[in-house]
């Protein structure tokens, strides 16, 4: 991936706004809104749009910079080169950027598609080194900034978070995080091909994905035993949180069949930001190598990791060593009782600190500010774009974006999608899932209002 500057464009127009493309509103919107908030405090306007609007934003906003979450597909890489030709800055801010595995780093660093990138924001030095090895001739434009969404574990930003659900009793709260995202692909060859078909020849080990899907399917079927063991034990309040990309209906069908005495100790929350839930809990449970465990270390919450098949695509030994592992639902209640009174789990504390330093850059609450500062400087220094290269297609997409915004929908809105999904569920499941995770204008307005309210409170205090 070549990360470098581009030549001056021919127009004399002033730089337009920055456009930050948001992939998943549950996981990414708060972080994106904070970057936008800080950019606007620096005098740089910023627009948040769903990832699917990456072409439409060119005509709609005439932006100075567009920020993608990745450019690892050929059509995105090609578009990045088109943007560069127009004089629009292109940046990448990953929403999943640990890149633990050596096999994944070349893919995540643009080895196969050669996109044109002006600024790349890495979570850690390991990813930066991989990017530089791919041929960057302007390495100062590959920035190690840490993990922006982790800023919300620190004040003042944690004050802007929505509250966790109220507790139902005085019992300790156990946050039970599941992440069986591949289980929905079981017996769904169409979606399997969409997700893995283009990467099998590029990433070593990815051809083993059928076993990973089978592992998530079987492990998810076992997870209710762990939940029921805790509910039957009765000493804890269990807050169940599925991963945003999981099929929630599995858990909802299970809960419908629970007797009232079991439900009394269960809270279900698939939508509140995970940061709020972690900060509110007394102990966090994750399933194999999950980012929620890393976040819980930052929040100084004790963690337990459930282990199943230890599939090499799903489980990392180095990660597991930093948690206390549990492989049996019978053992889980007593493990929780032992660890819930030891928030920092001192036996693992030093190793966790080293892990955070290596893989999270600097978990200090300032990642979004670092990103915003780099963006603001880049936008102010850039040459004007050449808007004579806008096409009729750009104008048409801009009209579509503005029209759907006016009725409160995202760019890729389909008024018939729900009916299509109900009639042909497997065929339309990917599009239905993609739209459900997309930001809408009201989501953006709410996220920005929360941060604005925080600024107003700070100014008065």
Protein backbone atom coordinates (compact mmCIF):
# COMPACT_ATOMS: atom_id res chain seq x y z
CA UNK A 1 0.00 0.00 0.00
CA UNK A 2 1.52 3.30 -1.00
CA UNK A 3 0.83 6.06 1.47
CA UNK A 4 1.87 9.39 0.08
CA UNK A 5 0.86 12.87 -0.99
CA UNK A 6 -0.77 13.77 -4.31
CA UNK A 7 -0.23 16.47 -6.84
CA UNK A 8 -2.01 19.78 -6.78
CA UNK A 9 -5.43 19.86 -8.42
CA UNK A 10 -6.52 22.50 -10.84
CA UNK A 11 -9.46 24.13 -9.10
CA UNK A 12 -9.12 27.10 -6.78
CA UNK A 13 -12.02 26.10 -4.53
CA UNK A 14 -11.52 25.89 -0.77
CA UNK A 15 -11.26 22.46 0.89
CA UNK A 16 -14.62 20.92 1.69
CA UNK A 17 -15.60 18.90 4.74
CA UNK A 18 -14.07 15.65 5.92
CA UNK A 19 -16.34 12.63 5.37
CA UNK A 20 -15.96 9.76 7.83
CA UNK A 21 -17.63 6.54 6.63
CA UNK A 22 -19.19 4.51 9.45
CA UNK A 23 -19.49 0.74 9.10
CA UNK A 24 -21.47 -0.30 12.19
CA UNK A 25 -23.51 2.12 14.27
CA UNK A 26 -23.37 0.01 17.46
CA UNK A 27 -19.61 -0.40 17.41
CA UNK A 28 -18.33 2.65 15.52
CA UNK A 29 -20.70 5.61 15.74
CA UNK A 30 -19.62 6.96 19.14
CA UNK A 31 -15.99 6.98 18.05
CA UNK A 32 -16.79 8.60 14.72
CA UNK A 33 -18.92 11.26 16.42
CA UNK A 34 -16.08 12.09 18.81
CA UNK A 35 -13.62 12.55 15.94
CA UNK A 36 -16.19 14.74 14.15
CA UNK A 37 -16.78 16.71 17.37
CA UNK A 38 -13.08 17.40 17.82
CA UNK A 39 -12.56 18.26 14.16
CA UNK A 40 -15.38 20.78 14.32
CA UNK A 41 -13.83 22.32 17.44
CA UNK A 42 -10.70 22.77 15.30
CA UNK A 43 -12.76 24.51 12.62
CA UNK A 44 -12.95 21.55 10.21
CA UNK A 45 -16.49 20.40 9.30
CA UNK A 46 -17.04 16.64 9.33
CA UNK A 47 -19.89 14.55 7.91
CA UNK A 48 -20.72 11.01 9.04
CA UNK A 49 -22.20 8.70 6.42
CA UNK A 50 -22.72 4.94 6.10
CA UNK A 51 -19.99 3.01 4.35
CA UNK A 52 -22.28 2.22 1.44
CA UNK A 53 -22.41 5.93 0.53
CA UNK A 54 -18.70 6.06 -0.32
CA UNK A 55 -19.37 7.08 -3.93
CA UNK A 56 -22.30 9.42 -3.23
CA UNK A 57 -20.42 11.66 -0.80
CA UNK A 58 -18.15 12.97 -3.56
CA UNK A 59 -20.91 14.88 -5.36
CA UNK A 60 -22.95 15.58 -2.23
CA UNK A 61 -20.19 17.23 -0.16
CA UNK A 62 -17.18 17.86 -2.44
CA UNK A 63 -15.04 16.67 0.47
CA UNK A 64 -11.42 17.43 1.20
CA UNK A 65 -10.87 13.97 2.69
CA UNK A 66 -12.77 10.68 2.85
CA UNK A 67 -11.96 8.23 5.64
CA UNK A 68 -12.60 4.52 5.01
CA UNK A 69 -12.47 1.66 7.49
CA UNK A 70 -10.53 -0.45 4.96
CA UNK A 71 -9.55 -0.55 1.30
CA UNK A 72 -9.01 -4.31 1.02
CA UNK A 73 -11.45 -4.88 -1.86
CA UNK A 74 -10.61 -4.20 -5.51
CA UNK A 75 -13.56 -1.84 -6.08
CA UNK A 76 -12.60 0.26 -3.04
CA UNK A 77 -8.95 0.33 -4.03
CA UNK A 78 -9.93 1.45 -7.53
CA UNK A 79 -12.15 4.18 -6.11
CA UNK A 80 -9.31 5.42 -3.89
CA UNK A 81 -7.16 5.92 -6.99
CA UNK A 82 -10.03 7.82 -8.66
CA UNK A 83 -10.31 10.09 -5.61
CA UNK A 84 -6.58 10.73 -5.68
CA UNK A 85 -6.84 11.73 -9.34
CA UNK A 86 -9.46 14.31 -8.38
CA UNK A 87 -7.32 15.66 -5.54
CA UNK A 88 -9.40 14.28 -2.65
CA UNK A 89 -7.37 12.97 0.29
CA UNK A 90 -7.97 9.31 1.18
CA UNK A 91 -7.43 7.97 4.70
CA UNK A 92 -7.97 4.63 6.42
CA UNK A 93 -9.06 4.23 10.04
CA UNK A 94 -9.65 0.52 10.79
CA UNK A 95 -12.52 -0.47 13.04
CA UNK A 96 -10.81 -3.84 13.66
CA UNK A 97 -7.11 -3.09 13.73
CA UNK A 98 -5.23 -5.37 16.13
CA UNK A 99 -4.00 -7.48 13.19
CA UNK A 100 -2.53 -10.01 15.61
CA UNK A 101 -1.68 -12.64 13.00
CA UNK A 102 1.33 -12.43 10.69
CA UNK A 103 -0.75 -13.99 7.89
CA UNK A 104 -3.32 -11.18 7.98
CA UNK A 105 -0.98 -8.18 7.98
CA UNK A 106 -0.12 -8.16 4.25
CA UNK A 107 -3.84 -8.36 3.39
CA UNK A 108 -4.75 -5.62 5.86
CA UNK A 109 -1.92 -3.48 4.49
CA UNK A 110 -3.12 -3.41 0.89
CA UNK A 111 -0.71 -5.99 -0.54
CA UNK A 112 -3.21 -7.41 -3.02
CA UNK A 113 -5.03 -4.29 -4.25
CA UNK A 114 -2.58 -1.35 -4.05
CA UNK A 115 -5.03 1.37 -2.98
CA UNK A 116 -4.01 5.01 -2.91
CA UNK A 117 -3.90 6.23 0.69
CA UNK A 118 -2.70 9.58 2.03
CA UNK A 119 -3.00 8.82 5.76
CA UNK A 120 -3.31 5.47 7.51
CA UNK A 121 -4.20 5.39 11.22
CA UNK A 122 -2.86 2.22 12.88
CA UNK A 123 -3.76 0.82 16.27
CA UNK A 124 -0.23 -0.44 16.89
CA UNK A 125 3.37 -0.42 15.68
CA UNK A 126 3.14 -3.98 14.28
CA UNK A 127 0.55 -2.90 11.72
CA UNK A 128 2.56 0.20 10.91
CA UNK A 129 5.63 -1.93 10.21
CA UNK A 130 3.60 -4.10 7.84
CA UNK A 131 2.35 -1.03 5.97
CA UNK A 132 5.84 0.37 5.64
CA UNK A 133 7.12 -2.98 4.34
CA UNK A 134 4.52 -2.82 1.57
CA UNK A 135 6.41 0.09 0.05
CA UNK A 136 5.33 3.33 1.72
CA UNK A 137 7.70 6.08 0.67
CA UNK A 138 6.19 8.62 3.09
CA UNK A 139 6.23 6.71 6.37
CA UNK A 140 5.37 9.80 8.38
CA UNK A 141 1.84 9.42 6.96
CA UNK A 142 1.38 6.04 8.66
CA UNK A 143 0.35 7.00 12.18
CA UNK A 144 0.15 4.86 15.33
CA UNK A 145 -2.78 6.40 17.20
CA UNK A 146 -4.15 3.64 19.44
CA UNK A 147 -7.76 2.47 19.46
CA UNK A 148 -10.16 5.42 19.11
CA UNK A 149 -13.24 3.72 20.50
CA UNK A 150 -11.34 2.95 23.72
CA UNK A 151 -11.32 6.70 24.49
CA UNK A 152 -14.75 6.26 26.02
CA UNK A 153 -13.31 4.34 28.96
CA UNK A 154 -11.83 7.66 30.11
CA UNK A 155 -13.33 10.90 31.35
CA UNK A 156 -14.71 13.21 30.15
CA UNK A 157 -15.93 11.04 27.25
CA UNK A 158 -17.30 8.28 29.47
CA UNK A 159 -19.72 10.90 30.83
CA UNK A 160 -21.38 11.08 27.40
CA UNK A 161 -22.24 7.37 27.30
CA UNK A 162 -25.83 6.18 27.61
CA UNK A 163 -26.41 4.42 30.93
CA UNK A 164 -26.37 0.66 31.26
CA UNK A 165 -29.75 -0.95 32.04
CA UNK A 166 -30.75 -0.49 35.69
CA UNK A 167 -29.87 -3.34 38.00
CA UNK A 168 -32.70 -5.58 39.07
CA UNK A 169 -31.18 -6.44 42.47
CA UNK A 170 -28.17 -5.88 44.71
CA UNK A 171 -26.46 -8.96 43.30
CA UNK A 172 -23.14 -8.54 41.48
CA UNK A 173 -23.63 -7.98 37.74
CA UNK A 174 -21.89 -10.40 35.35
CA UNK A 175 -21.61 -9.14 31.78
CA UNK A 176 -21.88 -12.18 29.52
CA UNK A 177 -20.55 -11.32 26.03
CA UNK A 178 -21.04 -13.76 23.16
CA UNK A 179 -19.35 -13.44 19.77
CA UNK A 180 -20.44 -16.40 17.61
CA UNK A 181 -20.64 -14.25 14.50
CA UNK A 182 -19.95 -17.11 12.06
CA UNK A 183 -22.77 -19.30 13.37
CA UNK A 184 -25.23 -17.51 11.07
CA UNK A 185 -23.24 -18.84 8.08
CA UNK A 186 -24.01 -22.47 8.96
CA UNK A 187 -25.73 -24.05 5.93
CA UNK A 188 -25.57 -20.71 4.09
CA UNK A 189 -23.18 -21.28 1.19
CA UNK A 190 -24.12 -18.01 -0.51
CA UNK A 191 -23.06 -15.81 2.39
CA UNK A 192 -19.99 -17.97 3.07
CA UNK A 193 -18.78 -17.31 -0.45
CA UNK A 194 -19.49 -13.58 -0.11
CA UNK A 195 -17.44 -13.37 3.08
CA UNK A 196 -14.56 -15.74 2.40
CA UNK A 197 -14.49 -16.38 -1.33
CA UNK A 198 -12.19 -13.51 -2.22
CA UNK A 199 -9.61 -14.12 0.52
CA UNK A 200 -8.90 -17.87 0.42
CA UNK A 201 -5.85 -17.46 -1.84
CA UNK A 202 -4.58 -14.38 -0.01
CA UNK A 203 -4.54 -15.24 3.69
CA UNK A 204 -2.84 -18.37 4.95
CA UNK A 205 -5.21 -20.53 6.98
CA UNK A 206 -8.41 -18.81 5.86
CA UNK A 207 -9.28 -21.90 3.82
CA UNK A 208 -10.06 -23.55 7.15
CA UNK A 209 -13.08 -21.30 7.58
CA UNK A 210 -15.66 -24.15 7.33
CA UNK A 211 -14.27 -25.56 10.59
CA UNK A 212 -14.48 -22.09 12.20
CA UNK A 213 -18.13 -21.80 11.15
CA UNK A 214 -18.81 -25.26 12.57
CA UNK A 215 -17.06 -24.32 15.79
CA UNK A 216 -19.15 -21.17 16.26
CA UNK A 217 -22.31 -23.13 15.47
CA UNK A 218 -21.62 -25.89 18.00
CA UNK A 219 -20.19 -23.52 20.63
CA UNK A 220 -23.24 -21.28 20.46
CA UNK A 221 -25.44 -24.30 21.03
CA UNK A 222 -23.48 -25.01 24.22
CA UNK A 223 -23.56 -21.46 25.53
CA UNK A 224 -27.06 -21.74 26.99
CA UNK A 225 -25.72 -24.31 29.46
CA UNK A 226 -23.32 -21.72 30.85
CA UNK A 227 -26.07 -19.12 31.05
CA UNK A 228 -28.47 -21.52 32.74
CA UNK A 229 -25.80 -22.58 35.23
CA UNK A 230 -25.43 -18.96 36.33
CA UNK A 231 -29.16 -18.29 36.42
CA UNK A 232 -29.78 -21.44 38.47
CA UNK A 233 -26.94 -20.59 40.86
CA UNK A 234 -28.76 -17.36 41.77
CA UNK A 235 -25.85 -15.39 43.21
CA UNK A 236 -25.45 -13.08 40.21
CA UNK A 237 -27.39 -10.87 37.88
CA UNK A 238 -26.47 -11.87 34.32
CA UNK A 239 -26.48 -9.24 31.56
CA UNK A 240 -26.45 -11.04 28.21
CA UNK A 241 -24.84 -9.13 25.34
CA UNK A 242 -24.57 -10.71 21.86
CA UNK A 243 -21.98 -9.38 19.42
CA UNK A 244 -23.50 -6.72 17.08
CA UNK A 245 -22.95 -9.05 14.09
CA UNK A 246 -24.59 -12.09 15.67
CA UNK A 247 -28.04 -13.42 14.93
CA UNK A 248 -29.93 -12.24 18.01
CA UNK A 249 -32.91 -14.46 17.30
CA UNK A 250 -31.05 -17.49 18.69
CA UNK A 251 -30.91 -15.90 22.15
CA UNK A 252 -34.38 -14.43 21.93
CA UNK A 253 -35.89 -17.84 21.15
CA UNK A 254 -34.00 -19.32 24.10
CA UNK A 255 -35.21 -16.59 26.45
CA UNK A 256 -38.84 -17.11 25.41
CA UNK A 257 -38.68 -20.63 26.82
CA UNK A 258 -37.07 -19.72 30.12
CA UNK A 259 -39.19 -20.19 33.24
CA UNK A 260 -39.90 -17.07 35.28
CA UNK A 261 -37.55 -18.02 38.11
CA UNK A 262 -34.61 -18.14 35.71
CA UNK A 263 -35.55 -14.91 33.95
CA UNK A 264 -35.53 -13.07 37.30
CA UNK A 265 -31.72 -12.93 37.24
CA UNK A 266 -31.33 -12.15 33.53
CA UNK A 267 -31.02 -8.81 31.71
CA UNK A 268 -30.79 -8.76 27.90
CA UNK A 269 -29.20 -5.80 26.11
CA UNK A 270 -28.15 -6.09 22.46
CA UNK A 271 -27.97 -2.35 21.73
CA UNK A 272 -26.35 -0.25 24.50
CA UNK A 273 -22.74 0.57 23.70
CA UNK A 274 -20.46 -2.14 25.07
CA UNK A 275 -18.34 0.47 26.85
CA UNK A 276 -21.27 1.42 29.08
CA UNK A 277 -21.93 -2.22 29.90
CA UNK A 278 -18.29 -2.96 30.74
CA UNK A 279 -17.93 0.11 32.95
CA UNK A 280 -21.09 -0.89 34.86
CA UNK A 281 -20.37 -4.60 35.37
CA UNK A 282 -18.59 -6.38 38.24
CA UNK A 283 -17.09 -9.12 36.05
CA UNK A 284 -16.95 -9.74 32.29
CA UNK A 285 -17.20 -13.07 30.50
CA UNK A 286 -15.99 -13.40 26.92
CA UNK A 287 -16.01 -16.33 24.53
CA UNK A 288 -12.52 -17.29 23.39
CA UNK A 289 -10.36 -14.47 22.00
CA UNK A 290 -12.72 -11.50 22.13
CA UNK A 291 -11.92 -7.78 22.17
CA UNK A 292 -14.34 -7.28 25.08
CA UNK A 293 -11.75 -8.90 27.35
CA UNK A 294 -9.12 -6.35 26.28
CA UNK A 295 -11.59 -3.54 26.92
CA UNK A 296 -12.35 -4.97 30.36
CA UNK A 297 -8.65 -4.89 31.26
CA UNK A 298 -8.62 -1.17 30.44
CA UNK A 299 -11.66 -0.70 32.67
CA UNK A 300 -9.98 -2.77 35.43
CA UNK A 301 -12.74 -5.36 35.44
CA UNK A 302 -12.05 -9.04 36.20
CA UNK A 303 -12.49 -11.32 33.19
CA UNK A 304 -13.16 -15.00 32.52
CA UNK A 305 -12.76 -16.48 29.05
CA UNK A 306 -14.90 -19.43 27.98
CA UNK A 307 -13.01 -21.83 25.72
CA UNK A 308 -14.50 -24.35 23.31
CA UNK A 309 -12.73 -25.90 20.30
CA UNK A 310 -9.74 -23.50 20.25
CA UNK A 311 -10.08 -23.25 16.49
CA UNK A 312 -6.93 -21.49 15.14
CA UNK A 313 -9.02 -18.85 13.34
CA UNK A 314 -10.93 -18.01 16.52
CA UNK A 315 -8.59 -18.58 19.45
CA UNK A 316 -5.15 -17.14 20.30
CA UNK A 317 -3.03 -18.79 22.95
CA UNK A 318 -1.24 -15.53 23.78
CA UNK A 319 -4.61 -13.86 24.40
CA UNK A 320 -5.98 -16.78 26.42
CA UNK A 321 -2.99 -16.70 28.77
CA UNK A 322 -4.03 -13.23 29.89
CA UNK A 323 -7.47 -14.40 30.99
CA UNK A 324 -8.69 -17.05 33.38
CA UNK A 325 -10.13 -19.78 31.15
CA UNK A 326 -13.19 -21.90 31.80
CA UNK A 327 -14.14 -24.98 29.75
CA UNK A 328 -17.09 -26.29 31.75
CA UNK A 329 -20.43 -24.77 32.71
CA UNK A 330 -20.26 -26.61 36.05
CA UNK A 331 -17.09 -24.71 37.01
CA UNK A 332 -18.28 -21.26 35.98
CA UNK A 333 -20.31 -20.10 39.04
CA UNK A 334 -17.49 -20.82 41.49
CA UNK A 335 -14.91 -19.21 39.20
CA UNK A 336 -17.00 -16.07 39.13
CA UNK A 337 -17.43 -16.08 42.89
CA UNK A 338 -13.64 -16.33 43.25
CA UNK A 339 -12.69 -13.60 40.77
CA UNK A 340 -15.48 -11.06 41.23
CA UNK A 341 -13.82 -9.69 44.35
CA UNK A 342 -10.45 -9.13 42.62
CA UNK A 343 -11.06 -6.39 40.02
CA UNK A 344 -7.52 -6.22 38.63
CA UNK A 345 -6.72 -9.95 38.88
CA UNK A 346 -3.17 -9.15 39.98
CA UNK A 347 -1.70 -12.44 38.70
CA UNK A 348 -2.34 -11.21 35.14
CA UNK A 349 -2.00 -7.46 35.60
CA UNK A 350 1.60 -6.98 34.41
CA UNK A 351 1.11 -9.16 31.32
CA UNK A 352 -2.08 -7.28 30.44
CA UNK A 353 -0.35 -3.91 30.72
CA UNK A 354 2.38 -5.09 28.32
CA UNK A 355 -0.23 -6.44 25.92
CA UNK A 356 -2.10 -3.14 25.89
CA UNK A 357 1.12 -1.19 25.29
CA UNK A 358 2.08 -3.43 22.37
CA UNK A 359 -1.26 -3.84 20.61
CA UNK A 360 -3.32 -0.78 21.58
CA UNK A 361 -0.77 1.93 21.01
CA UNK A 362 -1.58 4.17 23.94
CA UNK A 363 -4.84 3.54 25.79
CA UNK A 364 -5.03 7.00 27.33
CA UNK A 365 -8.30 8.54 26.12
CA UNK A 366 -6.57 10.75 23.53
CA UNK A 367 -6.68 8.61 20.39
CA UNK A 368 -9.53 10.52 18.71
CA UNK A 369 -7.81 13.82 19.45
CA UNK A 370 -4.58 12.58 17.84
CA UNK A 371 -6.52 11.50 14.75
CA UNK A 372 -8.46 14.78 14.52
CA UNK A 373 -5.26 16.82 14.82
CA UNK A 374 -3.57 14.92 11.98
CA UNK A 375 -6.67 15.24 9.78
CA UNK A 376 -7.07 18.97 10.46
CA UNK A 377 -3.43 19.64 9.60
CA UNK A 378 -3.70 17.58 6.40
CA UNK A 379 -6.88 19.29 5.23
CA UNK A 380 -5.48 22.77 5.84
CA UNK A 381 -2.30 21.95 3.92
CA UNK A 382 -3.89 20.21 0.91
CA UNK A 383 -4.17 21.64 -2.57
CA UNK A 384 -7.69 22.31 -3.96
CA UNK A 385 -9.46 19.43 -5.64
CA UNK A 386 -10.45 19.41 -9.30
CA UNK A 387 -14.25 19.44 -9.27
CA UNK A 388 -14.41 19.65 -13.06
CA UNK A 389 -13.98 15.87 -12.92
CA UNK A 390 -17.38 15.38 -11.25
CA UNK A 391 -19.68 13.34 -13.48
CA UNK A 392 -23.40 13.01 -14.04
CA UNK A 393 -23.24 9.81 -12.00
CA UNK A 394 -21.76 11.78 -9.09
CA UNK A 395 -24.64 14.25 -9.28
CA UNK A 396 -27.21 11.47 -9.48
CA UNK A 397 -25.80 9.73 -6.43
CA UNK A 398 -25.69 13.03 -4.54
CA UNK A 399 -29.40 13.61 -5.24
CA UNK A 400 -30.21 10.11 -4.02
CA UNK A 401 -28.21 10.65 -0.82
CA UNK A 402 -29.91 13.97 -0.07
CA UNK A 403 -33.37 12.57 -0.87
CA UNK A 404 -33.04 9.66 1.52
CA UNK A 405 -31.50 11.90 4.18
CA UNK A 406 -34.60 14.10 3.97
CA UNK A 407 -36.82 11.14 4.90
CA UNK A 408 -34.46 9.93 7.63
CA UNK A 409 -32.95 6.99 5.77
CA UNK A 410 -29.46 5.91 4.71
CA UNK A 411 -28.18 6.10 1.15
CA UNK A 412 -28.79 2.40 0.42
CA UNK A 413 -32.38 2.39 1.67
CA UNK A 414 -34.75 -0.01 -0.07
CA UNK A 415 -38.42 0.49 0.90
CA UNK A 416 -39.15 -3.13 -0.04
CA UNK A 417 -36.18 -4.72 1.74
CA UNK A 418 -38.15 -5.92 4.76
CA UNK A 419 -40.69 -7.69 2.56
CA UNK A 420 -37.95 -9.21 0.41
CA UNK A 421 -36.22 -10.45 3.54
CA UNK A 422 -39.41 -12.00 4.89
CA UNK A 423 -40.13 -13.76 1.59
CA UNK A 424 -36.56 -14.83 0.71
CA UNK A 425 -34.64 -14.72 3.97
CA UNK A 426 -31.38 -16.37 2.90
CA UNK A 427 -31.09 -14.37 -0.30
CA UNK A 428 -31.64 -10.98 1.32
CA UNK A 429 -30.12 -11.66 4.74
CA UNK A 430 -26.79 -9.90 3.91
CA UNK A 431 -28.52 -6.73 2.64
CA UNK A 432 -30.97 -6.73 5.53
CA UNK A 433 -28.15 -7.15 8.06
CA UNK A 434 -26.09 -4.44 6.34
CA UNK A 435 -28.91 -1.92 6.54
CA UNK A 436 -29.71 -2.68 10.18
CA UNK A 437 -26.16 -1.79 11.19
CA UNK A 438 -26.05 1.40 9.12
CA UNK A 439 -26.19 4.85 10.64
CA UNK A 440 -29.30 6.94 9.96
CA UNK A 441 -29.47 10.74 10.19
CA UNK A 442 -31.19 10.52 13.56
CA UNK A 443 -28.42 8.28 14.93
CA UNK A 444 -25.78 10.82 13.92
CA UNK A 445 -27.76 13.71 15.39
CA UNK A 446 -28.19 11.87 18.71
CA UNK A 447 -24.50 10.96 18.97
CA UNK A 448 -23.41 14.53 18.25
CA UNK A 449 -25.97 15.94 20.70
CA UNK A 450 -24.58 13.78 23.51
CA UNK A 451 -21.09 15.19 22.99
CA UNK A 452 -22.40 18.74 22.63
CA UNK A 453 -24.28 18.37 25.91
CA UNK A 454 -21.06 17.20 27.55
CA UNK A 455 -19.25 20.29 26.27
CA UNK A 456 -22.04 22.53 27.60
CA UNK A 457 -21.88 20.89 31.03
CA UNK A 458 -18.07 21.23 31.11
CA UNK A 459 -18.27 24.92 30.21
CA UNK A 460 -20.66 25.59 33.11
CA UNK A 461 -18.66 23.67 35.69
